[in-house]
Amino acid sequence: MREMRSSAIFLGAILARCGQADLSYPGGCELGPRPIDLHLTGLRDMGAVIREDCGRLCCTAPRLVGRELILSLPSVGATENLMLAACGGVGTTSICNAAREPEIEDLQNYLCTCGAKVFGAGTSTVTVEGGAFLHGGTYTVMPDRIAAATYLCAAAAAGGEVRLTGTKERLFATVTAALREAGCAVTADSGGITLRRERELRAIRPIHTAPYPGFPTDAQAVLMATLARSRGTTVFEENIFTNRFRHVDELTRMGADIRVSGRVAVVTGAERLHGATVRSTDLRGGAALCVAALAAEGETVVSGVEHIDRGYEDITETLKALGADIRRDDSPGAE
């Protein structure tokens, strides 16, 4: 679990069910400091005893007790972790300043399907009445809104048309709004979303990443890659993570004109991008390189694809189904 940041989400559920847990400190993409102190503080407030020892979390909690938990920032992971812990605890837990992302609503709906009593997801306060008997159930997980945003950006970068079925625009409306402003025709109906790009992309108003319902930080890199060949200049301000422009150096190898100063990246559309050998250093940055490669002239080789695998079921086959000339080489020594 050391390489999977979401492993921290297991902590609350395991503690509530088993009374103890011993996990490696979670990893994930290197996007700057992402401490899990909000997770640990909330669990401690509910009665857990947590010791951090040589990269491991050693936790015990004979019983978790519900109480009011106030998050200093609306962390998605901490909100999910504490929701799961509270379901197995006793009493009522209120999570204040909770994340409002659609995934929080989806988790609530799933837990309620299994018998839990959870209310308020989608607002800033989530309430859990612990002690409910939990049982199995059948549930359909929501579509991956960031994967959907990635494939819309891919079509916008390369040109042409794509239709995504089984997703809803409200899940990532800030992304579709940006693509419309850039010159794409985006239409949504009950069956899905269609994007068509027939003309040159144009620069758009500044993008400021923010917690939901703001522009998602996970879509920042793929939109930046899309606008690398737009007409004009677009400013990106990254407000969630301190190290989320690692893809910029690789995009500039492909001819992109991007200048970074602190949390701000200024993208001036280039007349053309060219193929290059580039390396993925994180999940969304790797997806951005694939998007840029679709818009570039010539062949691009992307290494470090194990990062991309963490967030996409099979990006190679999906892009191939959309008409991309793409192949994967997992042979020893392949770049």
C-alpha atoms as a PDB file:
ATOM      1  CA  MET A   1       0.000   0.000   0.000  1.00  0.00           C
ATOM      2  CA  ARG A   2       3.025   2.282   0.228  1.00  0.00           C
ATOM      3  CA  GLU A   3       2.680   3.254  -3.457  1.00  0.00           C
ATOM      4  CA  MET A   4      -1.080   3.871  -3.385  1.00  0.00           C
ATOM      5  CA  ARG A   5      -2.163   7.092  -1.730  1.00  0.00           C
ATOM      6  CA  SER A   6      -5.781   5.995  -1.451  1.00  0.00           C
ATOM      7  CA  SER A   7      -4.668   3.204   0.902  1.00  0.00           C
ATOM      8  CA  ALA A   8      -5.206   5.701   3.726  1.00  0.00           C
ATOM      9  CA  ILE A   9      -8.947   5.395   3.105  1.00  0.00           C
ATOM     10  CA  PHE A  10      -8.787   1.815   4.398  1.00  0.00           C
ATOM     11  CA  LEU A  11      -7.769   3.062   7.823  1.00  0.00           C
ATOM     12  CA  GLY A  12     -11.127   4.276   9.128  1.00  0.00           C
ATOM     13  CA  ALA A  13     -13.042   1.235   7.906  1.00  0.00           C
ATOM     14  CA  ILE A  14     -10.511  -1.281   9.252  1.00  0.00           C
ATOM     15  CA  LEU A  15     -10.333   0.470  12.623  1.00  0.00           C
ATOM     16  CA  ALA A  16     -14.106   0.505  12.940  1.00  0.00           C
ATOM     17  CA  ARG A  17     -14.414  -3.162  12.013  1.00  0.00           C
ATOM     18  CA  CYS A  18     -11.353  -4.734  13.607  1.00  0.00           C
ATOM     19  CA  GLY A  19     -10.339  -2.318  16.344  1.00  0.00           C
ATOM     20  CA  GLN A  20      -6.779  -2.110  15.076  1.00  0.00           C
ATOM     21  CA  ALA A  21      -4.871  -1.441  11.872  1.00  0.00           C
ATOM     22  CA  ASP A  22      -1.236  -1.390  10.796  1.00  0.00           C
ATOM     23  CA  LEU A  23      -0.607   0.281   7.435  1.00  0.00           C
ATOM     24  CA  SER A  24       2.352   1.635   5.507  1.00  0.00           C
ATOM     25  CA  TYR A  25       2.323   5.400   5.168  1.00  0.00           C
ATOM     26  CA  PRO A  26       0.507   6.078   1.866  1.00  0.00           C
ATOM     27  CA  GLY A  27       2.350   7.136  -1.282  1.00  0.00           C
ATOM     28  CA  GLY A  28       0.959   8.297  -4.635  1.00  0.00           C
ATOM     29  CA  CYS A  29       2.035  10.978  -7.098  1.00  0.00           C
ATOM     30  CA  GLU A  30       4.633  13.498  -5.939  1.00  0.00           C
ATOM     31  CA  LEU A  31       2.505  16.634  -6.163  1.00  0.00           C
ATOM     32  CA  GLY A  32       3.952  18.413  -3.147  1.00  0.00           C
ATOM     33  CA  PRO A  33       3.104  18.052   0.545  1.00  0.00           C
ATOM     34  CA  ARG A  34      -0.099  16.052   1.013  1.00  0.00           C
ATOM     35  CA  PRO A  35      -0.111  15.101   4.681  1.00  0.00           C
ATOM     36  CA  ILE A  36      -2.886  12.904   6.013  1.00  0.00           C
ATOM     37  CA  ASP A  37      -3.034  14.823   9.291  1.00  0.00           C
ATOM     38  CA  LEU A  38      -6.725  15.624   8.724  1.00  0.00           C
ATOM     39  CA  HIS A  39      -7.465  11.890   8.542  1.00  0.00           C
ATOM     40  CA  LEU A  40      -5.469  11.121  11.679  1.00  0.00           C
ATOM     41  CA  THR A  41      -6.792  14.067  13.688  1.00  0.00           C
ATOM     42  CA  GLY A  42     -10.382  13.094  12.940  1.00  0.00           C
ATOM     43  CA  LEU A  43      -9.808   9.453  13.880  1.00  0.00           C
ATOM     44  CA  ARG A  44      -8.041  10.484  17.081  1.00  0.00           C
ATOM     45  CA  ASP A  45     -10.968  12.740  17.956  1.00  0.00           C
ATOM     46  CA  MET A  46     -13.216   9.678  17.602  1.00  0.00           C
ATOM     47  CA  GLY A  47     -11.084   7.740  20.075  1.00  0.00           C
ATOM     48  CA  ALA A  48      -8.359   6.100  18.009  1.00  0.00           C
ATOM     49  CA  VAL A  49      -4.810   5.824  19.330  1.00  0.00           C
ATOM     50  CA  ILE A  50      -2.396   6.266  16.421  1.00  0.00           C
ATOM     51  CA  ARG A  51       1.365   5.891  16.498  1.00  0.00           C
ATOM     52  CA  GLU A  52       3.542   6.811  13.530  1.00  0.00           C
ATOM     53  CA  ASP A  53       6.651   4.630  13.462  1.00  0.00           C
ATOM     54  CA  CYS A  54       9.251   4.369  10.670  1.00  0.00           C
ATOM     55  CA  GLY A  55       6.835   4.954   7.816  1.00  0.00           C
ATOM     56  CA  ARG A  56       4.023   2.899   9.319  1.00  0.00           C
ATOM     57  CA  LEU A  57       0.770   3.798  11.036  1.00  0.00           C
ATOM     58  CA  CYS A  58       0.003   1.628  14.059  1.00  0.00           C
ATOM     59  CA  CYS A  59      -3.562   2.257  15.179  1.00  0.00           C
ATOM     60  CA  THR A  60      -5.915   0.893  17.822  1.00  0.00           C
ATOM     61  CA  ALA A  61      -9.512   1.784  18.597  1.00  0.00           C
ATOM     62  CA  PRO A  62     -11.589  -0.588  20.738  1.00  0.00           C
ATOM     63  CA  ARG A  63     -14.538   1.672  19.951  1.00  0.00           C
ATOM     64  CA  LEU A  64     -14.928   4.757  17.770  1.00  0.00           C
ATOM     65  CA  VAL A  65     -17.322   7.344  19.199  1.00  0.00           C
ATOM     66  CA  GLY A  66     -19.244   9.846  17.099  1.00  0.00           C
ATOM     67  CA  ARG A  67     -18.662  13.555  17.596  1.00  0.00           C
ATOM     68  CA  GLU A  68     -18.427  16.820  15.675  1.00  0.00           C
ATOM     69  CA  LEU A  69     -15.351  16.866  13.451  1.00  0.00           C
ATOM     70  CA  ILE A  70     -14.246  20.125  11.844  1.00  0.00           C
ATOM     71  CA  LEU A  71     -11.888  19.856   8.866  1.00  0.00           C
ATOM     72  CA  SER A  72      -9.518  22.781   8.329  1.00  0.00           C
ATOM     73  CA  LEU A  73      -9.946  22.282   4.574  1.00  0.00           C
ATOM     74  CA  PRO A  74     -12.467  20.251   2.542  1.00  0.00           C
ATOM     75  CA  SER A  75     -10.297  17.188   1.937  1.00  0.00           C
ATOM     76  CA  VAL A  76     -11.951  14.498  -0.184  1.00  0.00           C
ATOM     77  CA  GLY A  77      -9.876  11.684   1.302  1.00  0.00           C
ATOM     78  CA  ALA A  78     -10.393  12.781   4.903  1.00  0.00           C
ATOM     79  CA  THR A  79     -14.138  13.169   4.358  1.00  0.00           C
ATOM     80  CA  GLU A  80     -14.372   9.656   2.900  1.00  0.00           C
ATOM     81  CA  ASN A  81     -12.189   8.144   5.612  1.00  0.00           C
ATOM     82  CA  LEU A  82     -14.196   9.664   8.440  1.00  0.00           C
ATOM     83  CA  MET A  83     -17.515   8.711   6.831  1.00  0.00           C
ATOM     84  CA  LEU A  84     -16.411   5.075   6.728  1.00  0.00           C
ATOM     85  CA  ALA A  85     -15.091   5.177  10.280  1.00  0.00           C
ATOM     86  CA  ALA A  86     -18.283   6.795  11.575  1.00  0.00           C
ATOM     87  CA  CYS A  87     -20.460   4.094  10.010  1.00  0.00           C
ATOM     88  CA  GLY A  88     -18.753   1.527  12.237  1.00  0.00           C
ATOM     89  CA  GLY A  89     -18.688   3.720  15.315  1.00  0.00           C
ATOM     90  CA  VAL A  90     -21.358   4.497  17.891  1.00  0.00           C
ATOM     91  CA  GLY A  91     -23.329   7.717  18.127  1.00  0.00           C
ATOM     92  CA  THR A  92     -23.685  10.544  15.641  1.00  0.00           C
ATOM     93  CA  THR A  93     -20.757  12.056  13.769  1.00  0.00           C
ATOM     94  CA  SER A  94     -20.946  15.418  11.996  1.00  0.00           C
ATOM     95  CA  ILE A  95     -18.165  16.200   9.521  1.00  0.00           C
ATOM     96  CA  CYS A  96     -18.051  19.974   9.092  1.00  0.00           C
ATOM     97  CA  ASN A  97     -16.348  21.701   6.154  1.00  0.00           C
ATOM     98  CA  ALA A  98     -16.662  18.376   4.341  1.00  0.00           C
ATOM     99  CA  ALA A  99     -15.671  17.976   0.702  1.00  0.00           C
ATOM    100  CA  ARG A 100     -18.601  18.389  -1.699  1.00  0.00           C
ATOM    101  CA  GLU A 101     -17.248  16.411  -4.653  1.00  0.00           C
ATOM    102  CA  PRO A 102     -19.659  14.089  -6.497  1.00  0.00           C
ATOM    103  CA  GLU A 103     -17.618  11.147  -5.218  1.00  0.00           C
ATOM    104  CA  ILE A 104     -18.721  12.032  -1.665  1.00  0.00           C
ATOM    105  CA  GLU A 105     -22.363  11.840  -2.735  1.00  0.00           C
ATOM    106  CA  ASP A 106     -21.645   8.552  -4.464  1.00  0.00           C
ATOM    107  CA  LEU A 107     -20.066   7.098  -1.332  1.00  0.00           C
ATOM    108  CA  GLN A 108     -23.060   8.209   0.731  1.00  0.00           C
ATOM    109  CA  ASN A 109     -25.472   6.594  -1.713  1.00  0.00           C
ATOM    110  CA  TYR A 110     -23.496   3.353  -1.659  1.00  0.00           C
ATOM    111  CA  LEU A 111     -23.321   3.255   2.133  1.00  0.00           C
ATOM    112  CA  CYS A 112     -27.060   3.894   2.398  1.00  0.00           C
ATOM    113  CA  THR A 113     -27.664   1.040  -0.046  1.00  0.00           C
ATOM    114  CA  CYS A 114     -25.790  -1.165   2.427  1.00  0.00           C
ATOM    115  CA  GLY A 115     -27.883   0.005   5.368  1.00  0.00           C
ATOM    116  CA  ALA A 116     -25.862   2.935   6.714  1.00  0.00           C
ATOM    117  CA  LYS A 117     -27.486   6.174   7.839  1.00  0.00           C
ATOM    118  CA  VAL A 118     -25.587   8.976   6.134  1.00  0.00           C
ATOM    119  CA  PHE A 119     -26.969  12.406   5.252  1.00  0.00           C
ATOM    120  CA  GLY A 120     -25.804  15.703   3.786  1.00  0.00           C
ATOM    121  CA  ALA A 121     -23.264  14.614   1.163  1.00  0.00           C
ATOM    122  CA  GLY A 122     -22.914  17.361  -1.419  1.00  0.00           C
ATOM    123  CA  THR A 123     -23.158  20.015   1.292  1.00  0.00           C
ATOM    124  CA  SER A 124     -20.467  21.221   3.687  1.00  0.00           C
ATOM    125  CA  THR A 125     -21.774  19.057   6.553  1.00  0.00           C
ATOM    126  CA  VAL A 126     -22.066  15.265   6.377  1.00  0.00           C
ATOM    127  CA  THR A 127     -23.851  13.487   9.234  1.00  0.00           C
ATOM    128  CA  VAL A 128     -23.454   9.794  10.026  1.00  0.00           C
ATOM    129  CA  GLU A 129     -25.546   7.892  12.560  1.00  0.00           C
ATOM    130  CA  GLY A 130     -23.272   5.068  13.630  1.00  0.00           C
ATOM    131  CA  GLY A 131     -24.228   1.593  14.701  1.00  0.00           C
ATOM    132  CA  ALA A 132     -26.579   0.739  11.836  1.00  0.00           C
ATOM    133  CA  PHE A 133     -26.532  -2.877  10.680  1.00  0.00           C
ATOM    134  CA  LEU A 134     -24.678  -3.064   7.377  1.00  0.00           C
ATOM    135  CA  HIS A 135     -25.501  -5.611   4.708  1.00  0.00           C
ATOM    136  CA  GLY A 136     -24.609  -6.351   1.109  1.00  0.00           C
ATOM    137  CA  GLY A 137     -26.275  -4.674  -1.824  1.00  0.00           C
ATOM    138  CA  THR A 138     -26.124  -3.978  -5.531  1.00  0.00           C
ATOM    139  CA  TYR A 139     -24.813  -0.578  -6.555  1.00  0.00           C
ATOM    140  CA  THR A 140     -23.592   1.066  -9.753  1.00  0.00           C
ATOM    141  CA  VAL A 141     -20.575   3.295  -9.188  1.00  0.00           C
ATOM    142  CA  MET A 142     -20.657   6.754 -10.760  1.00  0.00           C
ATOM    143  CA  PRO A 143     -18.641   7.350 -13.946  1.00  0.00           C
ATOM    144  CA  ASP A 144     -15.079   8.631 -13.650  1.00  0.00           C
ATOM    145  CA  ARG A 145     -15.456  12.356 -14.337  1.00  0.00           C
ATOM    146  CA  ILE A 146     -11.710  12.951 -14.721  1.00  0.00           C
ATOM    147  CA  ALA A 147     -11.354  10.145 -17.263  1.00  0.00           C
ATOM    148  CA  ALA A 148     -14.330  11.657 -19.100  1.00  0.00           C
ATOM    149  CA  ALA A 149     -12.679  15.086 -19.028  1.00  0.00           C
ATOM    150  CA  THR A 150      -9.456  13.542 -20.358  1.00  0.00           C
ATOM    151  CA  TYR A 151     -11.138  11.993 -23.395  1.00  0.00           C
ATOM    152  CA  LEU A 152     -13.036  15.191 -24.177  1.00  0.00           C
ATOM    153  CA  CYS A 153      -9.738  17.082 -24.021  1.00  0.00           C
ATOM    154  CA  ALA A 154      -8.118  14.463 -26.260  1.00  0.00           C
ATOM    155  CA  ALA A 155     -10.783  15.007 -28.920  1.00  0.00           C
ATOM    156  CA  ALA A 156     -10.479  18.768 -28.546  1.00  0.00           C
ATOM    157  CA  ALA A 157      -6.700  18.598 -28.994  1.00  0.00           C
ATOM    158  CA  ALA A 158      -6.740  16.273 -31.999  1.00  0.00           C
ATOM    159  CA  GLY A 159      -9.898  17.560 -33.652  1.00  0.00           C
ATOM    160  CA  GLY A 160     -12.958  15.600 -34.644  1.00  0.00           C
ATOM    161  CA  GLU A 161     -15.856  14.326 -32.590  1.00  0.00           C
ATOM    162  CA  VAL A 162     -16.337  12.070 -29.572  1.00  0.00           C
ATOM    163  CA  ARG A 163     -19.408  10.954 -27.648  1.00  0.00           C
ATOM    164  CA  LEU A 164     -19.208   9.768 -24.057  1.00  0.00           C
ATOM    165  CA  THR A 165     -22.143   7.716 -22.831  1.00  0.00           C
ATOM    166  CA  GLY A 166     -23.167   7.072 -19.252  1.00  0.00           C
ATOM    167  CA  THR A 167     -21.834  10.325 -17.810  1.00  0.00           C
ATOM    168  CA  LYS A 168     -23.413  13.630 -16.771  1.00  0.00           C
ATOM    169  CA  GLU A 169     -22.152  17.110 -17.548  1.00  0.00           C
ATOM    170  CA  ARG A 170     -22.874  18.398 -14.039  1.00  0.00           C
ATOM    171  CA  LEU A 171     -20.048  16.196 -12.744  1.00  0.00           C
ATOM    172  CA  PHE A 172     -17.428  18.354 -14.490  1.00  0.00           C
ATOM    173  CA  ALA A 173     -19.311  21.365 -15.833  1.00  0.00           C
ATOM    174  CA  THR A 174     -16.322  23.684 -15.342  1.00  0.00           C
ATOM    175  CA  VAL A 175     -14.315  21.552 -17.785  1.00  0.00           C
ATOM    176  CA  THR A 176     -16.998  21.497 -20.482  1.00  0.00           C
ATOM    177  CA  ALA A 177     -17.467  25.253 -20.016  1.00  0.00           C
ATOM    178  CA  ALA A 178     -13.744  25.785 -20.647  1.00  0.00           C
ATOM    179  CA  LEU A 179     -13.834  23.613 -23.769  1.00  0.00           C
ATOM    180  CA  ARG A 180     -16.836  25.529 -25.105  1.00  0.00           C
ATOM    181  CA  GLU A 181     -15.020  28.806 -24.502  1.00  0.00           C
ATOM    182  CA  ALA A 182     -12.030  27.399 -26.404  1.00  0.00           C
ATOM    183  CA  GLY A 183     -14.232  26.867 -29.460  1.00  0.00           C
ATOM    184  CA  CYS A 184     -15.547  23.313 -29.113  1.00  0.00           C
ATOM    185  CA  ALA A 185     -19.189  22.428 -29.617  1.00  0.00           C
ATOM    186  CA  VAL A 186     -20.263  20.506 -26.508  1.00  0.00           C
ATOM    187  CA  THR A 187     -23.796  19.163 -26.134  1.00  0.00           C
ATOM    188  CA  ALA A 188     -25.235  17.103 -23.298  1.00  0.00           C
ATOM    189  CA  ASP A 189     -28.372  14.993 -23.086  1.00  0.00           C
ATOM    190  CA  SER A 190     -29.724  12.218 -20.892  1.00  0.00           C
ATOM    191  CA  GLY A 191     -27.520   9.662 -22.640  1.00  0.00           C
ATOM    192  CA  GLY A 192     -24.164  11.406 -22.389  1.00  0.00           C
ATOM    193  CA  ILE A 193     -21.981  14.186 -23.798  1.00  0.00           C
ATOM    194  CA  THR A 194     -20.830  14.922 -27.354  1.00  0.00           C
ATOM    195  CA  LEU A 195     -17.858  17.144 -28.231  1.00  0.00           C
ATOM    196  CA  ARG A 196     -16.984  18.315 -31.727  1.00  0.00           C
ATOM    197  CA  ARG A 197     -14.000  20.450 -32.689  1.00  0.00           C
ATOM    198  CA  GLU A 198     -13.757  21.678 -36.244  1.00  0.00           C
ATOM    199  CA  ARG A 199     -11.905  24.971 -35.899  1.00  0.00           C
ATOM    200  CA  GLU A 200      -8.726  26.276 -34.314  1.00  0.00           C
ATOM    201  CA  LEU A 201      -8.830  26.418 -30.540  1.00  0.00           C
ATOM    202  CA  ARG A 202      -8.611  29.811 -28.887  1.00  0.00           C
ATOM    203  CA  ALA A 203      -7.268  30.884 -25.507  1.00  0.00           C
ATOM    204  CA  ILE A 204      -9.712  31.207 -22.633  1.00  0.00           C
ATOM    205  CA  ARG A 205     -10.114  33.155 -19.417  1.00  0.00           C
ATOM    206  CA  PRO A 206      -7.791  32.207 -16.518  1.00  0.00           C
ATOM    207  CA  ILE A 207      -8.277  28.776 -14.981  1.00  0.00           C
ATOM    208  CA  HIS A 208      -8.154  28.641 -11.181  1.00  0.00           C
ATOM    209  CA  THR A 209      -8.204  25.151  -9.681  1.00  0.00           C
ATOM    210  CA  ALA A 210     -10.405  24.802  -6.603  1.00  0.00           C
ATOM    211  CA  PRO A 211     -12.384  22.243  -4.605  1.00  0.00           C
ATOM    212  CA  TYR A 212     -15.683  21.180  -6.178  1.00  0.00           C
ATOM    213  CA  PRO A 213     -17.676  22.844  -7.671  1.00  0.00           C
ATOM    214  CA  GLY A 214     -14.612  24.744  -8.883  1.00  0.00           C
ATOM    215  CA  PHE A 215     -12.282  23.639 -11.669  1.00  0.00           C
ATOM    216  CA  PRO A 216     -10.786  20.239 -10.718  1.00  0.00           C
ATOM    217  CA  THR A 217      -7.048  20.138 -10.166  1.00  0.00           C
ATOM    218  CA  ASP A 218      -7.023  16.673 -11.754  1.00  0.00           C
ATOM    219  CA  ALA A 219      -8.135  18.178 -15.086  1.00  0.00           C
ATOM    220  CA  GLN A 220      -5.634  21.038 -15.077  1.00  0.00           C
ATOM    221  CA  ALA A 221      -2.840  19.199 -16.894  1.00  0.00           C
ATOM    222  CA  VAL A 222      -4.994  17.705 -19.667  1.00  0.00           C
ATOM    223  CA  LEU A 223      -6.652  21.048 -20.403  1.00  0.00           C
ATOM    224  CA  MET A 224      -3.238  22.720 -20.473  1.00  0.00           C
ATOM    225  CA  ALA A 225      -2.063  20.164 -23.042  1.00  0.00           C
ATOM    226  CA  THR A 226      -5.190  20.810 -25.103  1.00  0.00           C
ATOM    227  CA  LEU A 227      -4.593  24.568 -25.151  1.00  0.00           C
ATOM    228  CA  ALA A 228      -0.885  24.241 -25.985  1.00  0.00           C
ATOM    229  CA  ARG A 229      -1.853  24.823 -29.644  1.00  0.00           C
ATOM    230  CA  SER A 230      -4.582  27.404 -29.056  1.00  0.00           C
ATOM    231  CA  ARG A 231      -4.596  30.930 -30.430  1.00  0.00           C
ATOM    232  CA  GLY A 232      -3.630  33.348 -27.659  1.00  0.00           C
ATOM    233  CA  THR A 233      -2.549  33.035 -24.033  1.00  0.00           C
ATOM    234  CA  THR A 234      -4.227  31.213 -21.151  1.00  0.00           C
ATOM    235  CA  VAL A 235      -3.245  31.482 -17.493  1.00  0.00           C
ATOM    236  CA  PHE A 236      -3.505  28.491 -15.130  1.00  0.00           C
ATOM    237  CA  GLU A 237      -3.389  29.025 -11.372  1.00  0.00           C
ATOM    238  CA  GLU A 238      -2.926  25.842  -9.310  1.00  0.00           C
ATOM    239  CA  ASN A 239      -4.446  26.367  -5.868  1.00  0.00           C
ATOM    240  CA  ILE A 240      -4.591  22.796  -4.558  1.00  0.00           C
ATOM    241  CA  PHE A 241      -1.075  21.350  -4.884  1.00  0.00           C
ATOM    242  CA  THR A 242       2.326  23.032  -4.838  1.00  0.00           C
ATOM    243  CA  ASN A 243       4.057  20.745  -7.332  1.00  0.00           C
ATOM    244  CA  ARG A 244       1.507  20.110 -10.058  1.00  0.00           C
ATOM    245  CA  PHE A 245       3.325  21.587 -13.045  1.00  0.00           C
ATOM    246  CA  ARG A 246       5.838  18.748 -13.483  1.00  0.00           C
ATOM    247  CA  HIS A 247       4.356  17.987 -16.897  1.00  0.00           C
ATOM    248  CA  VAL A 248       5.319  21.451 -18.183  1.00  0.00           C
ATOM    249  CA  ASP A 249       8.975  20.605 -18.878  1.00  0.00           C
ATOM    250  CA  GLU A 250       7.883  17.583 -20.902  1.00  0.00           C
ATOM    251  CA  LEU A 251       5.312  19.590 -22.873  1.00  0.00           C
ATOM    252  CA  THR A 252       7.973  22.167 -23.739  1.00  0.00           C
ATOM    253  CA  ARG A 253      10.077  19.339 -25.216  1.00  0.00           C
ATOM    254  CA  MET A 254       7.208  18.951 -27.671  1.00  0.00           C
ATOM    255  CA  GLY A 255       7.265  22.632 -28.597  1.00  0.00           C
ATOM    256  CA  ALA A 256       4.776  24.067 -26.115  1.00  0.00           C
ATOM    257  CA  ASP A 257       5.352  27.640 -24.918  1.00  0.00           C
ATOM    258  CA  ILE A 258       4.646  27.508 -21.180  1.00  0.00           C
ATOM    259  CA  ARG A 259       6.201  29.648 -18.468  1.00  0.00           C
ATOM    260  CA  VAL A 260       5.807  28.849 -14.784  1.00  0.00           C
ATOM    261  CA  SER A 261       6.117  31.188 -11.816  1.00  0.00           C
ATOM    262  CA  GLY A 262       5.132  29.692  -8.491  1.00  0.00           C
ATOM    263  CA  ARG A 263       1.546  28.508  -8.686  1.00  0.00           C
ATOM    264  CA  VAL A 264       0.918  30.129 -12.077  1.00  0.00           C
ATOM    265  CA  ALA A 265       1.574  28.727 -15.553  1.00  0.00           C
ATOM    266  CA  VAL A 266       1.164  30.941 -18.617  1.00  0.00           C
ATOM    267  CA  VAL A 267       0.394  29.005 -21.802  1.00  0.00           C
ATOM    268  CA  THR A 268       0.924  30.779 -25.121  1.00  0.00           C
ATOM    269  CA  GLY A 269      -0.442  28.702 -27.949  1.00  0.00           C
ATOM    270  CA  ALA A 270       2.198  27.327 -30.299  1.00  0.00           C
ATOM    271  CA  GLU A 271       1.664  27.037 -34.044  1.00  0.00           C
ATOM    272  CA  ARG A 272       2.643  23.381 -33.888  1.00  0.00           C
ATOM    273  CA  LEU A 273       3.757  20.665 -31.502  1.00  0.00           C
ATOM    274  CA  HIS A 274       6.232  17.999 -32.563  1.00  0.00           C
ATOM    275  CA  GLY A 275       6.787  14.455 -31.419  1.00  0.00           C
ATOM    276  CA  ALA A 276       9.417  13.845 -28.753  1.00  0.00           C
ATOM    277  CA  THR A 277      10.561  11.348 -26.149  1.00  0.00           C
ATOM    278  CA  VAL A 278       8.986  12.405 -22.870  1.00  0.00           C
ATOM    279  CA  ARG A 279       8.460  10.920 -19.430  1.00  0.00           C
ATOM    280  CA  SER A 280       5.370  10.751 -17.267  1.00  0.00           C
ATOM    281  CA  THR A 281       6.133  11.712 -13.667  1.00  0.00           C
ATOM    282  CA  ASP A 282       2.594  11.565 -12.293  1.00  0.00           C
ATOM    283  CA  LEU A 283      -0.857  10.296 -13.191  1.00  0.00           C
ATOM    284  CA  ARG A 284      -2.565  13.344 -14.716  1.00  0.00           C
ATOM    285  CA  GLY A 285       0.655  14.735 -16.141  1.00  0.00           C
ATOM    286  CA  GLY A 286       1.110  11.456 -18.000  1.00  0.00           C
ATOM    287  CA  ALA A 287      -2.402  11.683 -19.414  1.00  0.00           C
ATOM    288  CA  ALA A 288      -1.619  15.243 -20.507  1.00  0.00           C
ATOM    289  CA  LEU A 289       1.389  14.008 -22.482  1.00  0.00           C
ATOM    290  CA  CYS A 290      -0.856  11.535 -24.299  1.00  0.00           C
ATOM    291  CA  VAL A 291      -3.287  14.341 -25.123  1.00  0.00           C
ATOM    292  CA  ALA A 292      -0.476  16.559 -26.429  1.00  0.00           C
ATOM    293  CA  ALA A 293       0.920  13.666 -28.477  1.00  0.00           C
ATOM    294  CA  LEU A 294      -2.398  13.388 -30.325  1.00  0.00           C
ATOM    295  CA  ALA A 295      -2.074  17.012 -31.411  1.00  0.00           C
ATOM    296  CA  ALA A 296       1.630  16.805 -32.276  1.00  0.00           C
ATOM    297  CA  GLU A 297       3.242  16.121 -35.633  1.00  0.00           C
ATOM    298  CA  GLY A 298       5.295  12.944 -35.746  1.00  0.00           C
ATOM    299  CA  GLU A 299       5.765  10.220 -33.160  1.00  0.00           C
ATOM    300  CA  THR A 300       5.857  10.753 -29.414  1.00  0.00           C
ATOM    301  CA  VAL A 301       7.204   8.156 -26.979  1.00  0.00           C
ATOM    302  CA  VAL A 302       5.874   8.397 -23.420  1.00  0.00           C
ATOM    303  CA  SER A 303       7.658   6.445 -20.687  1.00  0.00           C
ATOM    304  CA  GLY A 304       6.641   6.078 -17.055  1.00  0.00           C
ATOM    305  CA  VAL A 305       3.219   4.815 -18.099  1.00  0.00           C
ATOM    306  CA  GLU A 306       2.803   2.984 -14.785  1.00  0.00           C
ATOM    307  CA  HIS A 307       1.691   6.341 -13.388  1.00  0.00           C
ATOM    308  CA  ILE A 308      -1.061   6.572 -15.995  1.00  0.00           C
ATOM    309  CA  ASP A 309      -2.202   3.026 -15.220  1.00  0.00           C
ATOM    310  CA  ARG A 310      -3.151   4.124 -11.711  1.00  0.00           C
ATOM    311  CA  GLY A 311      -5.985   6.291 -12.983  1.00  0.00           C
ATOM    312  CA  TYR A 312      -7.145   4.861 -16.322  1.00  0.00           C
ATOM    313  CA  GLU A 313      -8.431   1.369 -17.007  1.00  0.00           C
ATOM    314  CA  ASP A 314      -6.691   1.133 -20.386  1.00  0.00           C
ATOM    315  CA  ILE A 315      -5.950   4.518 -21.902  1.00  0.00           C
ATOM    316  CA  THR A 316      -4.159   2.942 -24.870  1.00  0.00           C
ATOM    317  CA  GLU A 317      -7.146   0.899 -26.014  1.00  0.00           C
ATOM    318  CA  THR A 318      -9.602   3.717 -25.342  1.00  0.00           C
ATOM    319  CA  LEU A 319      -7.645   6.201 -27.454  1.00  0.00           C
ATOM    320  CA  LYS A 320      -7.156   3.564 -30.139  1.00  0.00           C
ATOM    321  CA  ALA A 321     -10.935   3.069 -30.227  1.00  0.00           C
ATOM    322  CA  LEU A 322     -11.241   6.808 -30.865  1.00  0.00           C
ATOM    323  CA  GLY A 323      -8.930   6.527 -33.867  1.00  0.00           C
ATOM    324  CA  ALA A 324      -5.534   7.271 -32.350  1.00  0.00           C
ATOM    325  CA  ASP A 325      -2.429   5.578 -33.744  1.00  0.00           C
ATOM    326  CA  ILE A 326      -1.108   4.393 -30.405  1.00  0.00           C
ATOM    327  CA  ARG A 327       0.534   1.240 -29.117  1.00  0.00           C
ATOM    328  CA  ARG A 328       2.045   0.117 -25.855  1.00  0.00           C
ATOM    329  CA  ASP A 329       5.395  -1.608 -25.449  1.00  0.00           C
ATOM    330  CA  ASP A 330       5.919  -3.343 -22.113  1.00  0.00           C
ATOM    331  CA  SER A 331       8.962  -5.322 -23.217  1.00  0.00           C
ATOM    332  CA  PRO A 332      12.094  -5.162 -21.016  1.00  0.00           C
ATOM    333  CA  GLY A 333      14.181  -2.114 -21.816  1.00  0.00           C
ATOM    334  CA  ALA A 334      11.379  -0.309 -23.626  1.00  0.00           C
ATOM    335  CA  GLU A 335      11.250   3.403 -22.957  1.00  0.00           C
END
